[in-house]
Amino acid sequence: MAWNSDPVVLTVAVTGADVFRENNPSIPYTTEEIAESSIEAGAAGATVVHLHVREDDGTPSGRPELFVDVIERIRSRCDLLTMVSTGGANDMTIEERTTGLEARPDISGVESGSMNFGDETFITPPPAGRGIIERAKEAGIALEVEAFDVGHVVSAVRWLEEGILPPPLRINLVFGVPGGIDATPEALGAMVRPLPDDAFWTVTCIGRHHPRMLALALLHGAPGIRTGLEDVVYLRRGVLAPSSAALVEMAVDLTGALGREVATQEQTTELLRLG
C-alpha cells in the first residue's frame, strides 16, 4: 500500500494541563468553553478530540462530572470521537488522572512509562498503566498509548505482544516535551522503528517545531496527526492562534498541500478500527 493511500485522521487537543490564558487568552477553561472549542474544531476538520478538564479558574481537574458534562455537550451536537486523557497533571494521583473513564468516552489515553517533564517528574508505574488498560477494556473503551520517548513505544509493543494491550495498537508519538524525545527527523524515525506494520500512529509536537513535525509525519505516511491549543499556542511566528479550530484549519491545509486527504468521521471510525 502506498504511503499516502489512506486519509489522515486529525485529532484536536483543545486544552491541556500546562497551558494557561497568560500563554494564550483563547485557552478554554469551563466545560462549556471546552465543548464549544471541540465542536468548532470538528467543523474545521478534526474527527477526534483529546480531552482534559479544568475548574472554571483554569486549574487542571480530575472531577468526573466535568468529563461527563463536556462529553455530553459534544455528543449532543456532533459526531466527534471523544478521547480522555489519563495524564492529567503532574500533581494528580493515578486515581485523579483516571476519572475521565467514568464518562464512557470512545477512547482513553494510557501512558506506558514515566518521564521527567521539565522540572517535574511524571510518574506512571507499569502496574498503573496496566490497571488503566484493564478498566478501559472492562468498560468497552478503546485505547491509545501516549508515548514521549522510544522506551515508551517499546513498552507499548511489549504490552501488545503479551496480550495486555488489545490490538490494534493505537499510539500517539509526542515530540518536543522537555524531558522527552526531541522534535527532529531522526527522532521520528526512532519512534516509528519499533512499531508493528499495522499500528495506527499519530504525531503530536509541542511548541515551535509543531508544523514542521506534522509535515514530516505526513510525508512519512503517518495515519494521524494532532494539533490544538494544548500543543501549540501560535498559529505562526508571533501570531497567537485565535482558536483550536484555526490550528485545525492550518493542519487541513498542510495535509492537502502535501498531497494527502483528511479523513471523514466515518473513515476515522474505520481507520481506528472502532466498533
C-alpha atoms as a PDB file:
ATOM      1  CA  MET A   1       0.000   0.000   0.000  1.00  0.00           C
ATOM      2  CA  ALA A   2       1.319   3.471  -0.933  1.00  0.00           C
ATOM      3  CA  TRP A   3       2.449   5.712   1.920  1.00  0.00           C
ATOM      4  CA  ASN A   4      -0.225   8.270   1.054  1.00  0.00           C
ATOM      5  CA  SER A   5      -3.108   5.956   0.147  1.00  0.00           C
ATOM      6  CA  ASP A   6      -5.129   6.364   3.370  1.00  0.00           C
ATOM      7  CA  PRO A   7      -6.696   9.611   4.549  1.00  0.00           C
ATOM      8  CA  VAL A   8      -5.242  11.268   7.637  1.00  0.00           C
ATOM      9  CA  VAL A   9      -7.102  11.245  10.954  1.00  0.00           C
ATOM     10  CA  LEU A  10      -6.917  14.681  12.540  1.00  0.00           C
ATOM     11  CA  THR A  11      -7.093  14.836  16.344  1.00  0.00           C
ATOM     12  CA  VAL A  12      -7.544  18.105  18.201  1.00  0.00           C
ATOM     13  CA  ALA A  13      -6.420  18.782  21.780  1.00  0.00           C
ATOM     14  CA  VAL A  14      -8.218  21.945  22.844  1.00  0.00           C
ATOM     15  CA  THR A  15      -6.943  22.361  26.403  1.00  0.00           C
ATOM     16  CA  GLY A  16      -4.320  20.514  28.399  1.00  0.00           C
ATOM     17  CA  ALA A  17      -2.984  20.913  31.897  1.00  0.00           C
ATOM     18  CA  ASP A  18       0.061  23.074  31.243  1.00  0.00           C
ATOM     19  CA  VAL A  19      -1.121  25.957  29.046  1.00  0.00           C
ATOM     20  CA  PHE A  20      -2.986  28.913  30.518  1.00  0.00           C
ATOM     21  CA  ARG A  21      -4.554  32.168  29.393  1.00  0.00           C
ATOM     22  CA  GLU A  22      -1.331  34.039  30.097  1.00  0.00           C
ATOM     23  CA  ASN A  23       0.128  31.882  27.303  1.00  0.00           C
ATOM     24  CA  ASN A  24      -2.875  32.352  25.011  1.00  0.00           C
ATOM     25  CA  PRO A  25      -6.123  34.069  26.076  1.00  0.00           C
ATOM     26  CA  SER A  26      -8.139  31.673  23.870  1.00  0.00           C
ATOM     27  CA  ILE A  27      -7.454  28.612  26.049  1.00  0.00           C
ATOM     28  CA  PRO A  28     -10.850  27.200  27.118  1.00  0.00           C
ATOM     29  CA  TYR A  29     -11.420  26.555  30.829  1.00  0.00           C
ATOM     30  CA  THR A  30     -15.087  25.842  31.524  1.00  0.00           C
ATOM     31  CA  THR A  31     -16.883  22.737  30.313  1.00  0.00           C
ATOM     32  CA  GLU A  32     -18.984  24.895  28.000  1.00  0.00           C
ATOM     33  CA  GLU A  33     -15.862  26.526  26.520  1.00  0.00           C
ATOM     34  CA  ILE A  34     -14.073  23.185  26.098  1.00  0.00           C
ATOM     35  CA  ALA A  35     -17.081  21.635  24.380  1.00  0.00           C
ATOM     36  CA  GLU A  36     -17.599  24.660  22.123  1.00  0.00           C
ATOM     37  CA  SER A  37     -13.911  24.675  21.139  1.00  0.00           C
ATOM     38  CA  SER A  38     -14.122  20.960  20.365  1.00  0.00           C
ATOM     39  CA  ILE A  39     -17.254  21.335  18.234  1.00  0.00           C
ATOM     40  CA  GLU A  40     -15.736  24.256  16.285  1.00  0.00           C
ATOM     41  CA  ALA A  41     -12.587  22.189  15.668  1.00  0.00           C
ATOM     42  CA  GLY A  42     -14.738  19.317  14.447  1.00  0.00           C
ATOM     43  CA  ALA A  43     -16.445  21.626  11.955  1.00  0.00           C
ATOM     44  CA  ALA A  44     -12.970  22.654  10.746  1.00  0.00           C
ATOM     45  CA  GLY A  45     -11.941  19.050  10.026  1.00  0.00           C
ATOM     46  CA  ALA A  46     -10.960  17.272  13.247  1.00  0.00           C
ATOM     47  CA  THR A  47     -12.646  13.918  13.871  1.00  0.00           C
ATOM     48  CA  VAL A  48     -11.192  13.039  17.308  1.00  0.00           C
ATOM     49  CA  VAL A  49     -10.961  15.309  20.354  1.00  0.00           C
ATOM     50  CA  HIS A  50      -8.426  14.659  23.126  1.00  0.00           C
ATOM     51  CA  LEU A  51      -9.871  15.977  26.381  1.00  0.00           C
ATOM     52  CA  HIS A  52      -8.598  17.347  29.666  1.00  0.00           C
ATOM     53  CA  VAL A  53     -10.884  19.283  32.005  1.00  0.00           C
ATOM     54  CA  ARG A  54     -10.388  22.361  34.159  1.00  0.00           C
ATOM     55  CA  GLU A  55     -12.028  24.143  37.004  1.00  0.00           C
ATOM     56  CA  ASP A  56     -13.610  27.434  35.977  1.00  0.00           C
ATOM     57  CA  ASP A  57     -10.464  29.317  37.045  1.00  0.00           C
ATOM     58  CA  GLY A  58      -8.302  27.154  34.766  1.00  0.00           C
ATOM     59  CA  THR A  59      -6.924  24.791  37.403  1.00  0.00           C
ATOM     60  CA  PRO A  60      -6.427  21.307  35.905  1.00  0.00           C
ATOM     61  CA  SER A  61      -9.078  18.997  37.327  1.00  0.00           C
ATOM     62  CA  GLY A  62      -9.910  15.342  37.627  1.00  0.00           C
ATOM     63  CA  ARG A  63     -13.542  15.739  38.666  1.00  0.00           C
ATOM     64  CA  PRO A  64     -15.519  13.075  36.774  1.00  0.00           C
ATOM     65  CA  GLU A  65     -18.629  15.232  36.493  1.00  0.00           C
ATOM     66  CA  LEU A  66     -16.654  17.713  34.393  1.00  0.00           C
ATOM     67  CA  PHE A  67     -15.674  14.995  31.927  1.00  0.00           C
ATOM     68  CA  VAL A  68     -19.292  13.817  31.804  1.00  0.00           C
ATOM     69  CA  ASP A  69     -20.539  17.332  31.147  1.00  0.00           C
ATOM     70  CA  VAL A  70     -18.031  18.034  28.358  1.00  0.00           C
ATOM     71  CA  ILE A  71     -18.648  14.726  26.601  1.00  0.00           C
ATOM     72  CA  GLU A  72     -22.431  15.053  26.845  1.00  0.00           C
ATOM     73  CA  ARG A  73     -22.242  18.568  25.373  1.00  0.00           C
ATOM     74  CA  ILE A  74     -20.073  17.374  22.480  1.00  0.00           C
ATOM     75  CA  ARG A  75     -22.180  14.303  21.713  1.00  0.00           C
ATOM     76  CA  SER A  76     -25.395  16.307  21.739  1.00  0.00           C
ATOM     77  CA  ARG A  77     -24.184  18.434  18.840  1.00  0.00           C
ATOM     78  CA  CYS A  78     -21.710  16.474  16.710  1.00  0.00           C
ATOM     79  CA  ASP A  79     -20.183  13.058  15.968  1.00  0.00           C
ATOM     80  CA  LEU A  80     -16.630  13.781  17.136  1.00  0.00           C
ATOM     81  CA  LEU A  81     -14.947  10.774  18.736  1.00  0.00           C
ATOM     82  CA  THR A  82     -14.081  11.634  22.332  1.00  0.00           C
ATOM     83  CA  MET A  83     -10.799  10.646  23.973  1.00  0.00           C
ATOM     84  CA  VAL A  84      -9.990  11.342  27.627  1.00  0.00           C
ATOM     85  CA  SER A  85      -6.510  11.915  28.916  1.00  0.00           C
ATOM     86  CA  THR A  86      -5.307   9.808  31.827  1.00  0.00           C
ATOM     87  CA  GLY A  87      -2.234  12.014  32.028  1.00  0.00           C
ATOM     88  CA  GLY A  88      -3.983  14.802  33.908  1.00  0.00           C
ATOM     89  CA  ALA A  89      -1.387  16.976  35.626  1.00  0.00           C
ATOM     90  CA  ASN A  90       1.904  16.204  37.367  1.00  0.00           C
ATOM     91  CA  ASP A  91       0.483  16.671  40.859  1.00  0.00           C
ATOM     92  CA  MET A  92      -2.525  14.375  40.365  1.00  0.00           C
ATOM     93  CA  THR A  93      -2.721  10.847  41.711  1.00  0.00           C
ATOM     94  CA  ILE A  94      -3.408   7.946  39.348  1.00  0.00           C
ATOM     95  CA  GLU A  95      -6.962   7.858  40.704  1.00  0.00           C
ATOM     96  CA  GLU A  96      -7.486  11.542  39.874  1.00  0.00           C
ATOM     97  CA  ARG A  97      -5.984  11.018  36.418  1.00  0.00           C
ATOM     98  CA  THR A  98      -8.378   8.207  35.505  1.00  0.00           C
ATOM     99  CA  THR A  99     -11.743   9.707  36.432  1.00  0.00           C
ATOM    100  CA  GLY A 100     -12.463  10.504  32.795  1.00  0.00           C
ATOM    101  CA  LEU A 101     -13.179   6.820  32.215  1.00  0.00           C
ATOM    102  CA  GLU A 102     -16.397   7.315  34.186  1.00  0.00           C
ATOM    103  CA  ALA A 103     -17.688   9.489  31.328  1.00  0.00           C
ATOM    104  CA  ARG A 104     -17.544   6.496  28.947  1.00  0.00           C
ATOM    105  CA  PRO A 105     -15.525   8.166  26.180  1.00  0.00           C
ATOM    106  CA  ASP A 106     -14.867   6.426  22.888  1.00  0.00           C
ATOM    107  CA  ILE A 107     -11.121   6.232  23.595  1.00  0.00           C
ATOM    108  CA  SER A 108      -8.864   6.537  26.630  1.00  0.00           C
ATOM    109  CA  GLY A 109      -5.241   7.524  26.646  1.00  0.00           C
ATOM    110  CA  VAL A 110      -2.736   5.494  28.647  1.00  0.00           C
ATOM    111  CA  GLU A 111       0.921   6.209  29.394  1.00  0.00           C
ATOM    112  CA  SER A 112       3.328   3.302  29.042  1.00  0.00           C
ATOM    113  CA  GLY A 113       6.073   4.802  31.185  1.00  0.00           C
ATOM    114  CA  SER A 114       7.330   7.632  33.383  1.00  0.00           C
ATOM    115  CA  MET A 115       9.472  10.608  32.428  1.00  0.00           C
ATOM    116  CA  ASN A 116      10.989  13.891  33.504  1.00  0.00           C
ATOM    117  CA  PHE A 117       8.608  16.665  32.456  1.00  0.00           C
ATOM    118  CA  GLY A 118      10.506  19.955  32.572  1.00  0.00           C
ATOM    119  CA  ASP A 119      11.452  20.386  36.228  1.00  0.00           C
ATOM    120  CA  GLU A 120       8.836  17.884  37.359  1.00  0.00           C
ATOM    121  CA  THR A 121       8.693  14.085  37.224  1.00  0.00           C
ATOM    122  CA  PHE A 122       5.642  12.489  35.635  1.00  0.00           C
ATOM    123  CA  ILE A 123       5.178   9.063  37.181  1.00  0.00           C
ATOM    124  CA  THR A 124       3.175   6.258  35.608  1.00  0.00           C
ATOM    125  CA  PRO A 125       4.313   2.950  37.128  1.00  0.00           C
ATOM    126  CA  PRO A 126       3.767  -0.025  34.787  1.00  0.00           C
ATOM    127  CA  PRO A 127       1.157  -1.596  37.116  1.00  0.00           C
ATOM    128  CA  ALA A 128      -0.819   1.663  36.996  1.00  0.00           C
ATOM    129  CA  GLY A 129      -0.712   1.696  33.204  1.00  0.00           C
ATOM    130  CA  ARG A 130      -1.860  -1.914  33.071  1.00  0.00           C
ATOM    131  CA  GLY A 131      -4.653  -1.066  35.519  1.00  0.00           C
ATOM    132  CA  ILE A 132      -5.911   1.706  33.237  1.00  0.00           C
ATOM    133  CA  ILE A 133      -5.923  -0.748  30.337  1.00  0.00           C
ATOM    134  CA  GLU A 134      -7.987  -3.246  32.317  1.00  0.00           C
ATOM    135  CA  ARG A 135     -10.504  -0.631  33.406  1.00  0.00           C
ATOM    136  CA  ALA A 136     -10.906   0.611  29.845  1.00  0.00           C
ATOM    137  CA  LYS A 137     -11.305  -2.922  28.485  1.00  0.00           C
ATOM    138  CA  GLU A 138     -13.972  -3.755  31.061  1.00  0.00           C
ATOM    139  CA  ALA A 139     -15.893  -0.611  30.066  1.00  0.00           C
ATOM    140  CA  GLY A 140     -15.554  -1.274  26.338  1.00  0.00           C
ATOM    141  CA  ILE A 141     -13.409   1.830  25.828  1.00  0.00           C
ATOM    142  CA  ALA A 142     -10.740   1.750  23.116  1.00  0.00           C
ATOM    143  CA  LEU A 143      -7.158   2.704  23.999  1.00  0.00           C
ATOM    144  CA  GLU A 144      -4.423   4.961  22.676  1.00  0.00           C
ATOM    145  CA  VAL A 145      -0.918   4.841  24.165  1.00  0.00           C
ATOM    146  CA  GLU A 146       0.740   8.213  24.770  1.00  0.00           C
ATOM    147  CA  ALA A 147       4.492   7.816  24.115  1.00  0.00           C
ATOM    148  CA  PHE A 148       7.024  10.536  24.891  1.00  0.00           C
ATOM    149  CA  ASP A 149      10.222   8.567  24.248  1.00  0.00           C
ATOM    150  CA  VAL A 150      11.426   5.436  22.473  1.00  0.00           C
ATOM    151  CA  GLY A 151      11.239   3.312  25.629  1.00  0.00           C
ATOM    152  CA  HIS A 152       7.540   4.128  25.916  1.00  0.00           C
ATOM    153  CA  VAL A 153       6.991   2.812  22.386  1.00  0.00           C
ATOM    154  CA  VAL A 154       8.935  -0.371  23.130  1.00  0.00           C
ATOM    155  CA  SER A 155       6.914  -0.922  26.315  1.00  0.00           C
ATOM    156  CA  ALA A 156       3.644  -0.456  24.431  1.00  0.00           C
ATOM    157  CA  VAL A 157       4.681  -3.000  21.796  1.00  0.00           C
ATOM    158  CA  ARG A 158       5.626  -5.447  24.555  1.00  0.00           C
ATOM    159  CA  TRP A 159       2.208  -4.994  26.172  1.00  0.00           C
ATOM    160  CA  LEU A 160       0.646  -5.721  22.787  1.00  0.00           C
ATOM    161  CA  GLU A 161       2.753  -8.853  22.274  1.00  0.00           C
ATOM    162  CA  GLU A 162       1.976 -10.094  25.792  1.00  0.00           C
ATOM    163  CA  GLY A 163      -1.758  -9.649  25.301  1.00  0.00           C
ATOM    164  CA  ILE A 164      -2.024  -6.914  27.941  1.00  0.00           C
ATOM    165  CA  LEU A 165      -2.951  -4.264  25.402  1.00  0.00           C
ATOM    166  CA  PRO A 166      -5.666  -5.377  22.967  1.00  0.00           C
ATOM    167  CA  PRO A 167      -4.995  -4.959  19.257  1.00  0.00           C
ATOM    168  CA  PRO A 168      -4.843  -2.871  17.215  1.00  0.00           C
ATOM    169  CA  LEU A 169      -2.060  -0.714  18.633  1.00  0.00           C
ATOM    170  CA  ARG A 170      -3.090   2.922  18.547  1.00  0.00           C
ATOM    171  CA  ILE A 171      -0.252   5.159  19.680  1.00  0.00           C
ATOM    172  CA  ASN A 172       0.380   8.891  19.863  1.00  0.00           C
ATOM    173  CA  LEU A 173       4.047   9.778  19.371  1.00  0.00           C
ATOM    174  CA  VAL A 174       4.761  13.016  21.237  1.00  0.00           C
ATOM    175  CA  PHE A 175       7.773  15.180  20.377  1.00  0.00           C
ATOM    176  CA  GLY A 176       9.242  18.312  21.915  1.00  0.00           C
ATOM    177  CA  VAL A 177       8.277  17.914  25.585  1.00  0.00           C
ATOM    178  CA  PRO A 178      11.245  18.939  27.787  1.00  0.00           C
ATOM    179  CA  GLY A 179      12.449  15.613  29.189  1.00  0.00           C
ATOM    180  CA  GLY A 180      11.006  13.611  26.276  1.00  0.00           C
ATOM    181  CA  ILE A 181      12.320  12.943  22.790  1.00  0.00           C
ATOM    182  CA  ASP A 182      13.280  15.956  20.691  1.00  0.00           C
ATOM    183  CA  ALA A 183      11.437  17.226  17.620  1.00  0.00           C
ATOM    184  CA  THR A 184      13.742  16.134  14.791  1.00  0.00           C
ATOM    185  CA  PRO A 185      13.596  13.883  11.708  1.00  0.00           C
ATOM    186  CA  GLU A 186      15.906  11.417  13.449  1.00  0.00           C
ATOM    187  CA  ALA A 187      13.598  11.276  16.452  1.00  0.00           C
ATOM    188  CA  LEU A 188      10.621  10.439  14.242  1.00  0.00           C
ATOM    189  CA  GLY A 189      12.498   7.514  12.728  1.00  0.00           C
ATOM    190  CA  ALA A 190      13.486   6.234  16.160  1.00  0.00           C
ATOM    191  CA  MET A 191       9.912   6.374  17.478  1.00  0.00           C
ATOM    192  CA  VAL A 192       8.375   4.678  14.450  1.00  0.00           C
ATOM    193  CA  ARG A 193      11.006   1.935  14.160  1.00  0.00           C
ATOM    194  CA  PRO A 194       9.644  -0.418  16.907  1.00  0.00           C
ATOM    195  CA  LEU A 195       6.037  -0.231  15.712  1.00  0.00           C
ATOM    196  CA  PRO A 196       4.306  -3.205  14.085  1.00  0.00           C
ATOM    197  CA  ASP A 197       3.233  -2.646  10.483  1.00  0.00           C
ATOM    198  CA  ASP A 198      -0.460  -2.407  11.360  1.00  0.00           C
ATOM    199  CA  ALA A 199      -0.059   0.127  14.178  1.00  0.00           C
ATOM    200  CA  PHE A 200      -2.130   3.301  13.942  1.00  0.00           C
ATOM    201  CA  TRP A 201       0.241   6.101  14.888  1.00  0.00           C
ATOM    202  CA  THR A 202      -0.398   9.780  15.371  1.00  0.00           C
ATOM    203  CA  VAL A 203       2.211  12.513  15.692  1.00  0.00           C
ATOM    204  CA  THR A 204       1.989  15.332  18.221  1.00  0.00           C
ATOM    205  CA  CYS A 205       4.591  18.056  18.588  1.00  0.00           C
ATOM    206  CA  ILE A 206       4.714  20.545  21.422  1.00  0.00           C
ATOM    207  CA  GLY A 207       5.921  24.059  20.712  1.00  0.00           C
ATOM    208  CA  ARG A 208       7.671  25.854  17.880  1.00  0.00           C
ATOM    209  CA  HIS A 209       8.513  22.834  15.716  1.00  0.00           C
ATOM    210  CA  HIS A 210       4.827  21.853  15.586  1.00  0.00           C
ATOM    211  CA  PRO A 211       4.121  22.495  11.874  1.00  0.00           C
ATOM    212  CA  ARG A 212       7.464  21.040  10.763  1.00  0.00           C
ATOM    213  CA  MET A 213       6.931  17.780  12.623  1.00  0.00           C
ATOM    214  CA  LEU A 214       3.355  17.460  11.352  1.00  0.00           C
ATOM    215  CA  ALA A 215       4.626  17.956   7.797  1.00  0.00           C
ATOM    216  CA  LEU A 216       7.380  15.412   8.334  1.00  0.00           C
ATOM    217  CA  ALA A 217       4.872  12.930   9.741  1.00  0.00           C
ATOM    218  CA  LEU A 218       2.564  13.389   6.762  1.00  0.00           C
ATOM    219  CA  LEU A 219       5.440  12.816   4.342  1.00  0.00           C
ATOM    220  CA  HIS A 220       6.346   9.630   6.200  1.00  0.00           C
ATOM    221  CA  GLY A 221       2.831   8.268   5.836  1.00  0.00           C
ATOM    222  CA  ALA A 222       1.540   8.943   9.354  1.00  0.00           C
ATOM    223  CA  PRO A 223      -2.016   7.656   9.732  1.00  0.00           C
ATOM    224  CA  GLY A 224      -2.825  10.591  12.042  1.00  0.00           C
ATOM    225  CA  ILE A 225      -1.657  13.994  13.230  1.00  0.00           C
ATOM    226  CA  ARG A 226      -2.730  16.111  16.218  1.00  0.00           C
ATOM    227  CA  THR A 227      -2.992  19.844  16.744  1.00  0.00           C
ATOM    228  CA  GLY A 228      -4.748  22.258  19.087  1.00  0.00           C
ATOM    229  CA  LEU A 229      -4.029  24.786  21.803  1.00  0.00           C
ATOM    230  CA  GLU A 230      -2.799  22.099  24.198  1.00  0.00           C
ATOM    231  CA  ASP A 231       0.137  21.551  21.845  1.00  0.00           C
ATOM    232  CA  VAL A 232       0.910  24.952  20.332  1.00  0.00           C
ATOM    233  CA  VAL A 233      -0.347  28.459  21.121  1.00  0.00           C
ATOM    234  CA  TYR A 234       0.941  30.183  17.966  1.00  0.00           C
ATOM    235  CA  LEU A 235      -0.566  29.943  14.506  1.00  0.00           C
ATOM    236  CA  ARG A 236       2.721  31.127  13.083  1.00  0.00           C
ATOM    237  CA  ARG A 237       5.718  33.062  14.384  1.00  0.00           C
ATOM    238  CA  GLY A 238       4.484  35.948  16.512  1.00  0.00           C
ATOM    239  CA  VAL A 239       0.791  35.302  15.845  1.00  0.00           C
ATOM    240  CA  LEU A 240      -1.242  33.700  18.622  1.00  0.00           C
ATOM    241  CA  ALA A 241      -3.740  31.110  17.422  1.00  0.00           C
ATOM    242  CA  PRO A 242      -7.252  32.508  17.879  1.00  0.00           C
ATOM    243  CA  SER A 243      -8.681  29.024  18.467  1.00  0.00           C
ATOM    244  CA  SER A 244      -8.012  25.322  18.125  1.00  0.00           C
ATOM    245  CA  ALA A 245     -10.271  25.443  15.053  1.00  0.00           C
ATOM    246  CA  ALA A 246      -7.777  27.798  13.398  1.00  0.00           C
ATOM    247  CA  LEU A 247      -4.989  25.316  14.106  1.00  0.00           C
ATOM    248  CA  VAL A 248      -7.128  22.526  12.638  1.00  0.00           C
ATOM    249  CA  GLU A 249      -7.648  24.606   9.501  1.00  0.00           C
ATOM    250  CA  MET A 250      -3.867  25.018   9.283  1.00  0.00           C
ATOM    251  CA  ALA A 251      -3.419  21.238   9.598  1.00  0.00           C
ATOM    252  CA  VAL A 252      -6.072  20.584   6.943  1.00  0.00           C
ATOM    253  CA  ASP A 253      -4.316  22.977   4.545  1.00  0.00           C
ATOM    254  CA  LEU A 254      -0.935  21.393   5.298  1.00  0.00           C
ATOM    255  CA  THR A 255      -2.316  17.917   4.678  1.00  0.00           C
ATOM    256  CA  GLY A 256      -3.751  18.951   1.322  1.00  0.00           C
ATOM    257  CA  ALA A 257      -0.585  20.786   0.285  1.00  0.00           C
ATOM    258  CA  LEU A 258       1.372  17.554   0.795  1.00  0.00           C
ATOM    259  CA  GLY A 259      -0.999  15.558  -1.377  1.00  0.00           C
ATOM    260  CA  ARG A 260      -2.998  13.815   1.314  1.00  0.00           C
ATOM    261  CA  GLU A 261      -6.638  13.967   2.378  1.00  0.00           C
ATOM    262  CA  VAL A 262      -8.181  14.453   5.810  1.00  0.00           C
ATOM    263  CA  ALA A 263     -10.347  11.546   6.973  1.00  0.00           C
ATOM    264  CA  THR A 264     -14.085  11.967   7.352  1.00  0.00           C
ATOM    265  CA  GLN A 265     -15.821  10.955  10.560  1.00  0.00           C
ATOM    266  CA  GLU A 266     -16.890   7.642   9.008  1.00  0.00           C
ATOM    267  CA  GLN A 267     -13.397   6.957   7.657  1.00  0.00           C
ATOM    268  CA  THR A 268     -11.897   7.736  11.062  1.00  0.00           C
ATOM    269  CA  THR A 269     -14.008   5.115  12.796  1.00  0.00           C
ATOM    270  CA  GLU A 270     -12.921   2.584  10.182  1.00  0.00           C
ATOM    271  CA  LEU A 271      -9.228   3.524  10.273  1.00  0.00           C
ATOM    272  CA  LEU A 272      -9.125   3.367  14.083  1.00  0.00           C
ATOM    273  CA  ARG A 273     -10.956   0.031  13.905  1.00  0.00           C
ATOM    274  CA  LEU A 274     -13.611   1.080  16.371  1.00  0.00           C
ATOM    275  CA  GLY A 275     -16.987  -0.567  16.794  1.00  0.00           C
END
